[in-house]
N, C-alpha and C. Protein backbone atom coordinates (compact mmCIF):
# COMPACT_ATOMS: atom_id res chain seq x y z
N MET A 1 117.48 116.66 113.15
CA MET A 1 118.20 115.41 113.21
C MET A 1 118.24 114.71 111.86
N VAL A 2 117.05 114.50 111.27
CA VAL A 2 117.00 113.79 110.00
C VAL A 2 117.64 114.62 108.90
N LYS A 3 117.47 115.92 108.95
CA LYS A 3 118.05 116.80 107.93
C LYS A 3 119.57 116.64 107.87
N GLU A 4 120.21 116.58 109.02
CA GLU A 4 121.67 116.41 109.04
C GLU A 4 122.07 115.08 108.41
N LEU A 5 121.31 114.03 108.71
CA LEU A 5 121.60 112.72 108.13
C LEU A 5 121.35 112.74 106.63
N ALA A 6 120.25 113.38 106.21
CA ALA A 6 119.95 113.49 104.78
C ALA A 6 121.07 114.24 104.06
N ASP A 7 121.58 115.30 104.68
CA ASP A 7 122.69 116.06 104.08
C ASP A 7 123.93 115.19 103.92
N GLU A 8 124.17 114.31 104.89
CA GLU A 8 125.32 113.43 104.86
C GLU A 8 125.28 112.47 103.67
N TYR A 9 124.06 112.05 103.29
CA TYR A 9 123.90 111.09 102.20
C TYR A 9 123.56 111.75 100.87
N GLU A 10 123.63 113.07 100.81
CA GLU A 10 123.31 113.78 99.58
C GLU A 10 124.16 113.26 98.43
N GLY A 11 123.53 113.05 97.29
CA GLY A 11 124.23 112.55 96.12
C GLY A 11 124.28 111.03 96.05
N GLN A 12 123.83 110.36 97.11
CA GLN A 12 123.78 108.90 97.10
C GLN A 12 122.35 108.46 96.82
N ASN A 13 122.17 107.21 96.59
CA ASN A 13 120.87 106.66 96.25
C ASN A 13 120.03 106.44 97.52
N VAL A 14 119.75 107.56 98.21
CA VAL A 14 119.02 107.53 99.48
C VAL A 14 117.98 108.63 99.46
N LEU A 15 116.77 108.30 99.92
CA LEU A 15 115.70 109.29 100.03
C LEU A 15 115.11 109.20 101.42
N PHE A 16 115.10 110.33 102.12
CA PHE A 16 114.48 110.41 103.44
C PHE A 16 113.13 111.09 103.28
N LEU A 17 112.07 110.44 103.75
CA LEU A 17 110.73 111.01 103.72
C LEU A 17 110.15 110.94 105.12
N ASP A 18 109.27 111.90 105.42
CA ASP A 18 108.58 111.94 106.71
C ASP A 18 107.11 111.66 106.46
N GLN A 19 106.45 111.11 107.48
CA GLN A 19 105.01 110.88 107.41
C GLN A 19 104.40 111.11 108.77
N ASP A 20 103.23 111.73 108.78
CA ASP A 20 102.49 111.96 110.01
C ASP A 20 101.84 110.65 110.44
N VAL A 21 102.28 110.07 111.57
CA VAL A 21 101.73 108.79 112.01
C VAL A 21 100.27 108.90 112.41
N ASP A 22 99.81 110.11 112.72
CA ASP A 22 98.40 110.30 113.10
C ASP A 22 97.50 110.45 111.87
N ALA A 23 98.07 110.70 110.72
CA ALA A 23 97.31 110.82 109.47
C ALA A 23 98.06 110.06 108.38
N SER A 24 98.32 108.81 108.65
CA SER A 24 99.14 107.97 107.77
C SER A 24 98.49 107.79 106.41
N LEU A 25 99.31 107.85 105.36
CA LEU A 25 98.86 107.64 103.99
C LEU A 25 99.46 106.35 103.46
N GLY A 26 98.69 105.58 102.72
CA GLY A 26 99.20 104.34 102.16
C GLY A 26 99.39 103.29 103.24
N GLU A 27 100.29 102.37 102.99
CA GLU A 27 100.50 101.23 103.90
C GLU A 27 101.86 101.24 104.58
N ARG A 28 102.55 102.37 104.56
CA ARG A 28 103.91 102.40 105.11
C ARG A 28 103.93 102.18 106.62
N LEU A 29 102.95 102.72 107.35
CA LEU A 29 102.93 102.52 108.80
C LEU A 29 102.70 101.03 109.13
N ASP A 30 101.86 100.36 108.36
CA ASP A 30 101.66 98.92 108.54
C ASP A 30 102.97 98.17 108.32
N ARG A 31 103.74 98.61 107.32
CA ARG A 31 105.03 97.98 107.05
C ARG A 31 105.95 98.12 108.27
N TRP A 32 105.92 99.30 108.89
CA TRP A 32 106.78 99.53 110.05
C TRP A 32 106.41 98.56 111.18
N PHE A 33 105.12 98.45 111.49
CA PHE A 33 104.70 97.60 112.60
C PHE A 33 104.98 96.12 112.34
N LEU A 34 104.86 95.67 111.10
CA LEU A 34 105.25 94.29 110.80
C LEU A 34 106.74 94.09 111.01
N GLY A 35 107.53 95.10 110.66
CA GLY A 35 108.98 95.02 110.88
C GLY A 35 109.33 95.03 112.35
N TYR A 36 108.55 95.77 113.15
CA TYR A 36 108.81 95.84 114.59
C TYR A 36 108.47 94.52 115.26
N GLY A 37 107.31 93.96 114.89
CA GLY A 37 106.94 92.62 115.33
C GLY A 37 106.77 92.41 116.81
N SER A 38 106.42 93.43 117.55
CA SER A 38 106.28 93.29 119.00
C SER A 38 105.07 94.07 119.47
N SER A 39 104.49 93.63 120.57
CA SER A 39 103.35 94.35 121.14
C SER A 39 103.80 95.34 122.21
N VAL A 40 105.09 95.46 122.43
CA VAL A 40 105.64 96.41 123.39
C VAL A 40 105.43 97.83 122.87
N SER A 41 105.24 98.76 123.77
CA SER A 41 105.01 100.16 123.37
C SER A 41 106.12 100.68 122.48
N VAL A 42 105.73 101.59 121.58
CA VAL A 42 106.70 102.22 120.71
C VAL A 42 106.68 103.72 120.96
N TYR A 43 107.77 104.39 120.59
CA TYR A 43 107.91 105.82 120.82
C TYR A 43 108.42 106.48 119.55
N LEU A 44 107.95 107.68 119.31
CA LEU A 44 108.38 108.43 118.14
C LEU A 44 109.83 108.86 118.29
N PRO A 45 110.56 108.94 117.21
CA PRO A 45 110.16 108.69 115.84
C PRO A 45 110.18 107.20 115.51
N LEU A 46 109.32 106.80 114.58
CA LEU A 46 109.35 105.46 114.02
C LEU A 46 110.18 105.56 112.74
N VAL A 47 111.24 104.80 112.65
CA VAL A 47 112.15 104.88 111.51
C VAL A 47 112.17 103.54 110.80
N MET A 48 112.11 103.58 109.47
CA MET A 48 112.06 102.36 108.68
C MET A 48 112.97 102.49 107.47
N VAL A 49 113.63 101.39 107.13
CA VAL A 49 114.45 101.29 105.92
C VAL A 49 114.01 100.03 105.18
N ASP A 50 113.94 100.11 103.87
CA ASP A 50 113.61 98.96 103.02
C ASP A 50 112.28 98.32 103.38
N SER A 51 111.23 99.13 103.46
CA SER A 51 109.86 98.66 103.67
C SER A 51 109.66 97.89 104.97
N GLY A 52 110.55 98.05 105.91
CA GLY A 52 110.41 97.37 107.19
C GLY A 52 111.46 96.31 107.43
N ASN A 53 112.37 96.12 106.47
CA ASN A 53 113.46 95.18 106.67
C ASN A 53 114.28 95.57 107.91
N ARG A 54 114.40 96.86 108.14
CA ARG A 54 115.04 97.39 109.35
C ARG A 54 114.15 98.50 109.90
N VAL A 55 113.88 98.43 111.21
CA VAL A 55 113.08 99.46 111.88
C VAL A 55 113.72 99.82 113.21
N SER A 56 113.37 101.00 113.69
CA SER A 56 113.80 101.46 115.01
C SER A 56 112.78 102.48 115.48
N ASN A 57 112.84 102.79 116.77
CA ASN A 57 111.93 103.80 117.30
C ASN A 57 112.48 104.40 118.57
N GLY A 58 111.93 105.55 118.91
CA GLY A 58 112.24 106.20 120.17
C GLY A 58 113.63 106.78 120.25
N SER A 59 114.05 106.96 121.47
CA SER A 59 115.34 107.59 121.75
C SER A 59 116.47 106.63 121.42
N GLU A 60 117.28 106.99 120.47
CA GLU A 60 118.42 106.19 120.03
C GLU A 60 119.62 107.10 119.88
N ASP A 61 120.78 106.52 119.74
CA ASP A 61 121.92 107.28 119.27
C ASP A 61 121.64 107.52 117.80
N PHE A 62 120.89 108.59 117.54
CA PHE A 62 120.27 108.83 116.24
C PHE A 62 121.23 108.61 115.08
N HIS A 63 122.33 109.32 115.08
CA HIS A 63 123.25 109.26 113.95
C HIS A 63 123.78 107.85 113.73
N ASP A 64 124.30 107.22 114.79
CA ASP A 64 124.92 105.91 114.63
C ASP A 64 123.92 104.83 114.23
N VAL A 65 122.76 104.79 114.89
CA VAL A 65 121.77 103.74 114.61
C VAL A 65 121.19 103.91 113.21
N TYR A 66 120.76 105.12 112.88
CA TYR A 66 120.08 105.31 111.60
C TYR A 66 121.04 105.30 110.42
N SER A 67 122.24 105.81 110.59
CA SER A 67 123.20 105.73 109.48
C SER A 67 123.62 104.28 109.24
N LEU A 68 123.71 103.47 110.28
CA LEU A 68 124.02 102.05 110.11
C LEU A 68 122.91 101.37 109.31
N MET A 69 121.64 101.69 109.62
CA MET A 69 120.52 101.12 108.87
C MET A 69 120.63 101.47 107.38
N VAL A 70 120.94 102.72 107.09
CA VAL A 70 121.06 103.17 105.70
C VAL A 70 122.27 102.51 105.04
N ASP A 71 123.40 102.46 105.73
CA ASP A 71 124.60 101.85 105.16
C ASP A 71 124.37 100.38 104.80
N ILE A 72 123.70 99.63 105.67
CA ILE A 72 123.40 98.22 105.39
C ILE A 72 122.51 98.13 104.15
N SER A 73 121.53 99.00 104.06
CA SER A 73 120.64 99.00 102.90
C SER A 73 121.40 99.28 101.60
N LEU A 74 122.31 100.24 101.64
CA LEU A 74 123.08 100.59 100.44
C LEU A 74 123.96 99.44 99.94
N ARG A 75 124.34 98.55 100.83
CA ARG A 75 125.18 97.41 100.44
C ARG A 75 124.37 96.25 99.86
N ARG A 76 123.06 96.27 100.05
CA ARG A 76 122.21 95.17 99.58
C ARG A 76 121.89 95.35 98.09
N PRO A 77 121.97 94.28 97.31
CA PRO A 77 121.63 94.41 95.89
C PRO A 77 120.12 94.48 95.68
N ALA A 78 119.70 95.19 94.65
CA ALA A 78 118.29 95.21 94.27
C ALA A 78 117.92 93.82 93.75
N THR A 79 116.67 93.42 93.98
CA THR A 79 116.21 92.11 93.51
C THR A 79 115.08 92.25 92.48
N ALA A 80 115.04 93.40 91.86
CA ALA A 80 114.14 93.66 90.74
C ALA A 80 114.67 94.90 90.02
N SER A 81 114.21 95.09 88.80
CA SER A 81 114.51 96.34 88.11
C SER A 81 113.18 96.94 87.67
N MET A 82 113.17 98.28 87.60
CA MET A 82 111.93 98.98 87.27
C MET A 82 112.20 100.11 86.31
N VAL A 83 111.27 100.30 85.41
CA VAL A 83 111.22 101.50 84.59
C VAL A 83 109.87 102.13 84.90
N VAL A 84 109.88 103.38 85.34
CA VAL A 84 108.65 104.04 85.75
C VAL A 84 108.46 105.30 84.92
N GLU A 85 107.27 105.44 84.38
CA GLU A 85 106.88 106.66 83.68
C GLU A 85 105.68 107.24 84.42
N SER A 86 105.67 108.57 84.56
CA SER A 86 104.54 109.22 85.22
C SER A 86 104.02 110.33 84.33
N GLU A 87 102.73 110.62 84.50
CA GLU A 87 102.11 111.69 83.75
C GLU A 87 101.05 112.34 84.64
N ARG A 88 101.08 113.66 84.68
CA ARG A 88 100.06 114.39 85.41
C ARG A 88 98.80 114.47 84.55
N VAL A 89 97.68 114.11 85.15
CA VAL A 89 96.37 114.25 84.51
C VAL A 89 95.47 114.95 85.52
N GLY A 90 95.25 116.24 85.32
CA GLY A 90 94.49 117.02 86.30
C GLY A 90 95.25 117.07 87.61
N ASP A 91 94.60 116.63 88.67
CA ASP A 91 95.24 116.60 89.99
C ASP A 91 95.72 115.20 90.37
N ASP A 92 95.88 114.33 89.38
CA ASP A 92 96.34 112.96 89.62
C ASP A 92 97.67 112.73 88.93
N LEU A 93 98.41 111.76 89.44
CA LEU A 93 99.61 111.26 88.76
C LEU A 93 99.32 109.84 88.29
N HIS A 94 99.48 109.59 87.01
CA HIS A 94 99.31 108.26 86.44
C HIS A 94 100.69 107.64 86.29
N PHE A 95 100.82 106.39 86.73
CA PHE A 95 102.09 105.68 86.65
C PHE A 95 101.97 104.46 85.75
N ASN A 96 102.98 104.25 84.92
CA ASN A 96 103.15 103.02 84.17
C ASN A 96 104.50 102.45 84.59
N VAL A 97 104.46 101.21 85.09
CA VAL A 97 105.67 100.59 85.65
C VAL A 97 105.94 99.29 84.91
N ARG A 98 107.17 99.12 84.48
CA ARG A 98 107.63 97.83 83.96
C ARG A 98 108.59 97.27 85.01
N LEU A 99 108.18 96.16 85.62
CA LEU A 99 108.94 95.54 86.70
C LEU A 99 109.49 94.20 86.24
N THR A 100 110.80 94.00 86.40
CA THR A 100 111.43 92.73 86.10
C THR A 100 111.88 92.10 87.41
N ASN A 101 111.39 90.92 87.69
CA ASN A 101 111.63 90.23 88.94
C ASN A 101 112.92 89.41 88.88
N SER A 102 113.84 89.68 89.82
CA SER A 102 115.05 88.87 89.94
C SER A 102 115.25 88.44 91.39
N SER A 103 114.14 88.26 92.12
CA SER A 103 114.18 87.97 93.55
C SER A 103 114.47 86.52 93.88
N GLY A 104 114.34 85.63 92.89
CA GLY A 104 114.52 84.21 93.16
C GLY A 104 113.22 83.52 93.53
N THR A 105 112.13 84.26 93.55
CA THR A 105 110.82 83.70 93.88
C THR A 105 109.74 84.36 93.03
N THR A 106 108.60 83.71 92.92
CA THR A 106 107.47 84.30 92.22
C THR A 106 106.84 85.35 93.11
N LEU A 107 106.59 86.53 92.55
CA LEU A 107 105.92 87.60 93.28
C LEU A 107 104.42 87.53 93.01
N GLY A 108 103.62 87.90 94.01
CA GLY A 108 102.17 87.90 93.82
C GLY A 108 101.45 87.95 95.15
N ALA A 109 100.21 87.50 95.15
CA ALA A 109 99.37 87.56 96.35
C ALA A 109 99.94 86.71 97.49
N ALA A 110 100.58 85.60 97.16
CA ALA A 110 101.10 84.70 98.19
C ALA A 110 102.15 85.36 99.09
N ASN A 111 102.88 86.35 98.56
CA ASN A 111 103.86 87.06 99.38
C ASN A 111 103.58 88.56 99.40
N SER A 112 102.31 88.91 99.19
CA SER A 112 101.82 90.30 99.32
C SER A 112 102.65 91.31 98.54
N ALA A 113 103.10 90.94 97.37
CA ALA A 113 103.93 91.84 96.55
C ALA A 113 103.11 93.05 96.09
N THR A 114 103.69 94.23 96.21
CA THR A 114 102.98 95.45 95.84
C THR A 114 103.91 96.47 95.20
N LEU A 115 103.29 97.41 94.52
CA LEU A 115 103.93 98.64 94.07
C LEU A 115 103.28 99.77 94.85
N THR A 116 104.08 100.64 95.43
CA THR A 116 103.56 101.79 96.18
C THR A 116 104.17 103.06 95.62
N ALA A 117 103.31 104.02 95.33
CA ALA A 117 103.78 105.35 94.93
C ALA A 117 103.59 106.29 96.11
N LEU A 118 104.65 106.97 96.49
CA LEU A 118 104.61 108.00 97.52
C LEU A 118 104.90 109.32 96.84
N VAL A 119 104.02 110.29 97.02
CA VAL A 119 104.15 111.59 96.37
C VAL A 119 104.42 112.63 97.45
N TYR A 120 105.34 113.53 97.15
CA TYR A 120 105.72 114.58 98.11
C TYR A 120 106.11 115.83 97.35
N GLU A 121 106.16 116.94 98.07
CA GLU A 121 106.66 118.18 97.49
C GLU A 121 108.07 118.41 98.01
N ASP A 122 108.99 118.65 97.10
CA ASP A 122 110.39 118.89 97.45
C ASP A 122 110.54 120.36 97.80
N SER A 123 110.24 120.68 99.05
CA SER A 123 110.20 122.07 99.49
C SER A 123 111.29 122.34 100.49
N MET A 124 111.80 123.55 100.49
CA MET A 124 112.83 123.94 101.45
C MET A 124 112.23 124.36 102.79
N THR A 125 110.89 124.34 102.92
CA THR A 125 110.25 124.79 104.16
C THR A 125 110.21 123.69 105.21
N THR A 126 110.54 122.45 104.84
CA THR A 126 110.60 121.36 105.81
C THR A 126 111.99 120.74 105.77
N ASP A 127 112.40 120.17 106.89
CA ASP A 127 113.72 119.54 106.94
C ASP A 127 113.80 118.35 105.98
N VAL A 128 112.76 117.54 105.97
CA VAL A 128 112.69 116.36 105.14
C VAL A 128 111.33 116.39 104.46
N PRO A 129 111.23 116.04 103.17
CA PRO A 129 109.92 116.05 102.51
C PRO A 129 108.91 115.18 103.23
N VAL A 130 107.66 115.64 103.22
CA VAL A 130 106.56 114.93 103.89
C VAL A 130 105.66 114.31 102.82
N ILE A 131 105.30 113.05 103.02
CA ILE A 131 104.43 112.36 102.07
C ILE A 131 103.09 113.08 102.03
N ALA A 132 102.64 113.43 100.82
CA ALA A 132 101.38 114.15 100.64
C ALA A 132 100.28 113.27 100.06
N ALA A 133 100.66 112.20 99.37
CA ALA A 133 99.69 111.28 98.77
C ALA A 133 100.37 109.94 98.57
N ALA A 134 99.57 108.88 98.58
CA ALA A 134 100.13 107.54 98.42
C ALA A 134 99.08 106.61 97.82
N CYS A 135 99.57 105.60 97.14
CA CYS A 135 98.69 104.58 96.57
C CYS A 135 99.48 103.29 96.47
N THR A 136 98.84 102.18 96.82
CA THR A 136 99.47 100.86 96.71
C THR A 136 98.62 99.99 95.81
N THR A 137 99.28 99.26 94.92
CA THR A 137 98.59 98.34 94.02
C THR A 137 99.30 96.99 94.05
N PRO A 138 98.55 95.90 93.97
CA PRO A 138 99.19 94.58 94.03
C PRO A 138 99.99 94.26 92.77
N ILE A 139 101.04 93.48 92.96
CA ILE A 139 101.79 92.92 91.84
C ILE A 139 101.15 91.56 91.55
N THR A 140 100.61 91.42 90.36
CA THR A 140 100.02 90.13 90.00
C THR A 140 101.14 89.13 89.78
N THR A 141 100.80 87.88 89.74
CA THR A 141 101.79 86.80 89.66
C THR A 141 102.88 87.12 88.63
N LEU A 142 104.11 87.17 89.14
CA LEU A 142 105.26 87.51 88.32
C LEU A 142 106.41 86.57 88.68
N ALA A 143 106.68 85.62 87.79
CA ALA A 143 107.71 84.62 88.03
C ALA A 143 109.10 85.25 88.09
N ASP A 144 110.01 84.56 88.75
CA ASP A 144 111.40 85.01 88.78
C ASP A 144 111.92 85.07 87.34
N GLY A 145 112.53 86.19 86.98
CA GLY A 145 113.06 86.39 85.64
C GLY A 145 112.06 87.00 84.67
N ALA A 146 110.79 87.07 85.07
CA ALA A 146 109.75 87.61 84.18
C ALA A 146 109.59 89.11 84.40
N ALA A 147 108.98 89.77 83.41
CA ALA A 147 108.67 91.19 83.49
C ALA A 147 107.16 91.37 83.40
N GLY A 148 106.65 92.37 84.12
CA GLY A 148 105.23 92.68 84.09
C GLY A 148 105.01 94.17 83.94
N GLU A 149 103.85 94.52 83.41
CA GLU A 149 103.46 95.92 83.22
C GLU A 149 102.33 96.25 84.18
N TYR A 150 102.43 97.39 84.85
CA TYR A 150 101.42 97.79 85.84
C TYR A 150 101.09 99.26 85.63
N ALA A 151 99.82 99.58 85.74
CA ALA A 151 99.37 100.96 85.61
C ALA A 151 98.46 101.28 86.79
N PHE A 152 98.67 102.44 87.41
CA PHE A 152 97.83 102.88 88.51
C PHE A 152 97.97 104.39 88.64
N GLU A 153 97.13 104.98 89.48
CA GLU A 153 97.19 106.43 89.64
C GLU A 153 97.08 106.81 91.11
N VAL A 154 97.59 107.99 91.41
CA VAL A 154 97.54 108.55 92.75
C VAL A 154 96.81 109.88 92.67
N ALA A 155 95.79 110.04 93.50
CA ALA A 155 95.08 111.32 93.60
C ALA A 155 95.93 112.24 94.46
N VAL A 156 96.51 113.25 93.84
CA VAL A 156 97.40 114.17 94.56
C VAL A 156 96.63 115.35 95.13
N GLY A 157 95.68 115.85 94.37
CA GLY A 157 94.91 117.01 94.83
C GLY A 157 95.69 118.29 94.62
N SER A 158 95.40 119.27 95.46
CA SER A 158 96.04 120.57 95.35
C SER A 158 97.51 120.47 95.72
N ALA A 159 98.36 120.94 94.83
CA ALA A 159 99.80 120.85 95.07
C ALA A 159 100.51 121.91 94.24
N ASN A 160 101.72 122.25 94.65
CA ASN A 160 102.58 123.07 93.81
C ASN A 160 103.29 122.09 92.88
N TRP A 161 102.77 121.94 91.67
CA TRP A 161 103.23 120.90 90.77
C TRP A 161 104.68 121.09 90.32
N ASP A 162 105.22 122.29 90.50
CA ASP A 162 106.64 122.49 90.19
C ASP A 162 107.53 121.78 91.22
N LEU A 163 106.98 121.50 92.40
CA LEU A 163 107.73 120.87 93.47
C LEU A 163 107.39 119.40 93.68
N VAL A 164 106.37 118.90 92.97
CA VAL A 164 105.92 117.52 93.18
C VAL A 164 106.98 116.53 92.69
N ARG A 165 107.28 115.57 93.56
CA ARG A 165 108.22 114.48 93.26
C ARG A 165 107.56 113.18 93.71
N TRP A 166 108.10 112.06 93.30
CA TRP A 166 107.53 110.77 93.68
C TRP A 166 108.62 109.72 93.81
N VAL A 167 108.27 108.67 94.52
CA VAL A 167 109.06 107.45 94.56
C VAL A 167 108.09 106.29 94.43
N VAL A 168 108.44 105.31 93.60
CA VAL A 168 107.65 104.09 93.48
C VAL A 168 108.50 102.96 94.05
N ILE A 169 107.90 102.20 94.96
CA ILE A 169 108.60 101.13 95.67
C ILE A 169 107.95 99.79 95.35
N ALA A 170 108.75 98.82 94.94
CA ALA A 170 108.28 97.44 94.78
C ALA A 170 108.74 96.69 96.02
N ASP A 171 107.78 96.07 96.72
CA ASP A 171 108.16 95.30 97.90
C ASP A 171 107.32 94.05 98.05
N TYR A 172 107.72 93.19 98.98
CA TYR A 172 107.01 91.93 99.22
C TYR A 172 107.40 91.39 100.59
N GLN A 173 106.69 90.34 101.05
CA GLN A 173 107.01 89.68 102.32
C GLN A 173 107.74 88.38 102.00
N PRO A 174 109.06 88.37 102.07
CA PRO A 174 109.81 87.19 101.65
C PRO A 174 109.58 85.95 102.52
N ILE A 175 109.17 86.13 103.78
CA ILE A 175 109.01 84.97 104.67
C ILE A 175 107.55 84.58 104.83
N GLY A 176 106.66 85.55 104.99
CA GLY A 176 105.25 85.23 105.16
C GLY A 176 104.49 86.37 105.81
N ALA A 177 103.20 86.21 105.96
CA ALA A 177 102.29 87.29 106.35
C ALA A 177 102.57 87.91 107.72
N ASP A 178 103.22 87.21 108.61
CA ASP A 178 103.49 87.76 109.94
C ASP A 178 104.89 88.37 110.04
N TYR A 179 105.59 88.51 108.94
CA TYR A 179 106.97 88.95 108.95
C TYR A 179 107.14 90.24 108.15
N PRO A 180 108.28 90.89 108.31
CA PRO A 180 108.50 92.18 107.63
C PRO A 180 108.49 92.09 106.12
N PHE A 181 108.11 93.20 105.51
CA PHE A 181 108.25 93.38 104.07
C PHE A 181 109.71 93.71 103.77
N ASP A 182 110.07 93.62 102.51
CA ASP A 182 111.40 94.02 102.08
C ASP A 182 111.26 94.68 100.71
N THR A 183 112.11 95.65 100.46
CA THR A 183 112.08 96.36 99.18
C THR A 183 112.85 95.57 98.13
N LEU A 184 112.21 95.41 96.98
CA LEU A 184 112.85 94.78 95.82
C LEU A 184 113.64 95.82 95.04
N GLN A 185 113.01 96.99 94.83
CA GLN A 185 113.60 98.06 94.05
C GLN A 185 112.75 99.32 94.27
N ALA A 186 113.32 100.46 94.02
CA ALA A 186 112.59 101.73 94.07
C ALA A 186 113.11 102.64 92.97
N ALA A 187 112.24 103.51 92.50
CA ALA A 187 112.60 104.49 91.47
C ALA A 187 112.00 105.83 91.84
N MET A 188 112.75 106.91 91.60
CA MET A 188 112.30 108.26 91.94
C MET A 188 112.15 109.07 90.67
N GLY A 189 111.30 110.08 90.78
CA GLY A 189 111.14 110.95 89.63
C GLY A 189 110.41 112.25 89.93
N PRO A 190 110.45 113.12 88.96
CA PRO A 190 109.73 114.39 89.09
C PRO A 190 108.28 114.24 88.67
C-alpha cells in the first residue's frame, strides 16, 4: 500500500518512512499520539505527516486519505531553513545543523522545539525504508529571524553504510504541550 503511494510521489519532496511501533526509536510515536489527541483505541497503521500536524490510523480509504494528507503538506510553506552536514565517525553519524527560524515565534523549551535525525537504509528489500536509528536534540532559544548552530550525533551501529540515508526534522508545538507538533523544515541526505 505505502509503496504504491511512495511511487506516486517519486521525484517530489516527499519521504515515506516506516517504524516498528513495538520497538519505537526517537520521539516520533509520541508525536503521533499528541496529534491523535484521544484516548480512544487506535489501530495499525498509524500514519503521520508533518510531525503530527496530520495523523490517521486503522482501516481507511488508504490512497485517498493518505494522499490528501501529503498533498496538504506539500502546499504548506516551510517556516525555517536548514543547512545540514553529516559525517560518519565509526558507527555514528555526526550532524552539524544551521537553522534559520522564520516561524513568527521564538523557538525553544517553551514550545518544545527540537531537531530529530532519523537514519535508515535505502534498501530494495523493503517496500518503504525502516527507521534504524534516531536522535532528538532540543533547539535552544532561537528568535524569529535568527539563525542557530546545532551539533549532535546518532549511534547507528552495524549498517551497510553504502545504503545509509538520513532526514533531519526541525519541529515544535505551536499551540502548547497538549497539542500536536508541526514540522518547520526537513532536510535529507546520504
